[in-house]
Protein backbone atom coordinates (compact mmCIF):
# COMPACT_ATOMS: atom_id res chain seq x y z
CA MET A 1 -0.02 -0.12 -0.19
CA LYS A 2 3.20 2.27 0.20
CA GLY A 3 3.01 4.85 -2.46
CA VAL A 4 -0.69 4.49 -3.26
CA ASP A 5 -2.20 8.09 -3.36
CA SER A 6 -4.73 8.60 -0.62
CA ASN A 7 -6.80 11.01 -2.84
CA ILE A 8 -7.84 8.20 -5.30
CA PRO A 9 -10.44 5.69 -4.16
CA THR A 10 -8.80 2.49 -3.19
CA VAL A 11 -10.21 -1.02 -3.38
CA LEU A 12 -8.48 -3.63 -1.37
CA LEU A 13 -8.93 -7.69 -2.19
CA ALA A 14 -7.83 -9.47 0.97
CA HIS A 15 -8.44 -13.05 1.43
CA ARG A 16 -8.75 -12.73 5.25
CA PRO A 17 -10.62 -10.49 7.21
CA LYS A 18 -7.88 -10.37 9.53
CA VAL A 19 -5.66 -8.77 6.72
CA ALA A 20 -8.67 -6.34 5.92
CA LYS A 21 -8.43 -5.01 9.61
CA LEU A 22 -4.54 -4.65 9.47
CA SER A 23 -4.76 -2.56 6.36
CA LEU A 24 -7.69 -0.55 7.63
CA ASP A 25 -5.64 0.31 10.83
CA ASN A 26 -2.45 1.12 8.87
CA TYR A 27 -3.29 2.73 5.55
CA SER A 28 -5.89 4.83 3.82
CA VAL A 29 -8.43 2.36 1.98
CA ASP A 30 -11.84 2.92 1.03
CA VAL A 31 -13.30 -0.49 0.33
CA VAL A 32 -11.93 -3.96 1.49
CA LEU A 33 -13.29 -7.20 -0.19
CA THR A 34 -12.56 -10.34 1.49
CA GLY A 35 -13.73 -13.94 2.24
CA HIS A 36 -12.28 -16.90 4.00
CA THR A 37 -14.88 -17.44 6.72
CA HIS A 38 -17.35 -19.25 4.43
CA GLY A 39 -20.02 -17.37 6.33
CA GLY A 40 -19.84 -20.05 9.16
CA GLN A 41 -20.41 -22.87 7.00
CA LEU A 42 -20.49 -25.53 9.66
CA PHE A 43 -21.06 -25.68 13.26
CA PRO A 44 -18.68 -25.61 15.30
CA ILE A 45 -16.07 -24.85 12.93
CA HIS A 46 -17.46 -21.24 12.63
CA LEU A 47 -16.65 -20.55 16.33
CA TRP A 48 -12.81 -20.39 15.25
CA HIS A 49 -13.59 -17.75 12.71
CA LEU A 50 -15.76 -15.81 15.18
CA ILE A 51 -12.81 -15.68 17.57
CA ARG A 52 -9.89 -14.97 14.92
CA GLU A 53 -11.27 -12.79 12.40
CA PRO A 54 -12.58 -9.45 13.13
CA TYR A 55 -15.38 -9.43 10.50
CA PHE A 56 -17.32 -12.50 9.87
CA ALA A 57 -20.02 -12.07 6.99
CA GLY A 58 -21.72 -9.39 5.27
CA LEU A 59 -21.08 -5.50 5.33
CA TYR A 60 -19.25 -3.65 7.87
CA GLN A 61 -18.18 0.00 8.45
CA HIS A 62 -14.56 0.23 10.02
CA LYS A 63 -14.02 3.12 12.58
CA SER A 64 -12.01 4.75 9.89
CA GLY A 65 -15.48 5.23 7.56
CA SER A 66 -14.20 2.55 5.27
CA TYR A 67 -16.29 -0.45 4.42
CA VAL A 68 -15.40 -3.97 4.68
CA TYR A 69 -17.35 -6.75 2.68
CA VAL A 70 -17.20 -10.31 3.82
CA SER A 71 -18.49 -12.88 1.21
CA SER A 72 -19.39 -16.45 2.41
CA GLY A 73 -18.38 -17.40 -1.16
CA VAL A 74 -19.76 -20.14 -3.76
CA HIS A 75 -18.08 -23.00 -2.24
CA PHE A 76 -17.35 -25.03 0.96
CA TRP A 77 -14.44 -26.05 2.94
CA GLY A 78 -13.92 -29.52 3.75
CA MET A 79 -17.41 -31.60 3.94
CA PRO A 80 -19.46 -30.73 0.93
CA MET A 81 -22.39 -29.24 2.85
CA ARG A 82 -23.22 -25.84 4.70
CA LEU A 83 -25.40 -25.15 7.62
CA TRP A 84 -26.68 -21.72 8.64
CA SER A 85 -24.83 -20.32 5.74
CA GLN A 86 -25.70 -19.77 2.13
CA ALA A 87 -23.32 -19.82 -0.92
CA GLU A 88 -23.29 -16.43 -2.64
CA ILE A 89 -22.14 -14.60 -5.95
CA THR A 90 -21.58 -11.09 -4.70
CA HIS A 91 -22.03 -8.25 -7.30
CA VAL A 92 -20.43 -5.04 -6.28
CA THR A 93 -21.07 -1.73 -7.76
CA LEU A 94 -18.77 1.20 -6.72
CA ILE A 95 -20.03 4.80 -7.55
CA THR A 96 -18.11 7.92 -6.28
CA THR A 97 -19.97 10.87 -5.01
CA SER A 98 -19.01 14.36 -5.69
């Protein structure tokens, strides 16, 4: 992120929500798109993500005013099943305001 002009809108793609938080705490980022948690695909595995990841699923606003979106993804991890979690394809439309 060094050398990125903070006057230009910045979108960061990060595999893990933990990386999103580290980036938002240290750099000027407007939007972070992330995944990794599978939206709590399976109990009790989702408890691990709830403890380790600062964002779990859906849209969040960071204290800096930036946004983080955590997708539950289209696939699964491990066993081919999901409980309490839906697969999703996310369509993101970014607009600028003047």
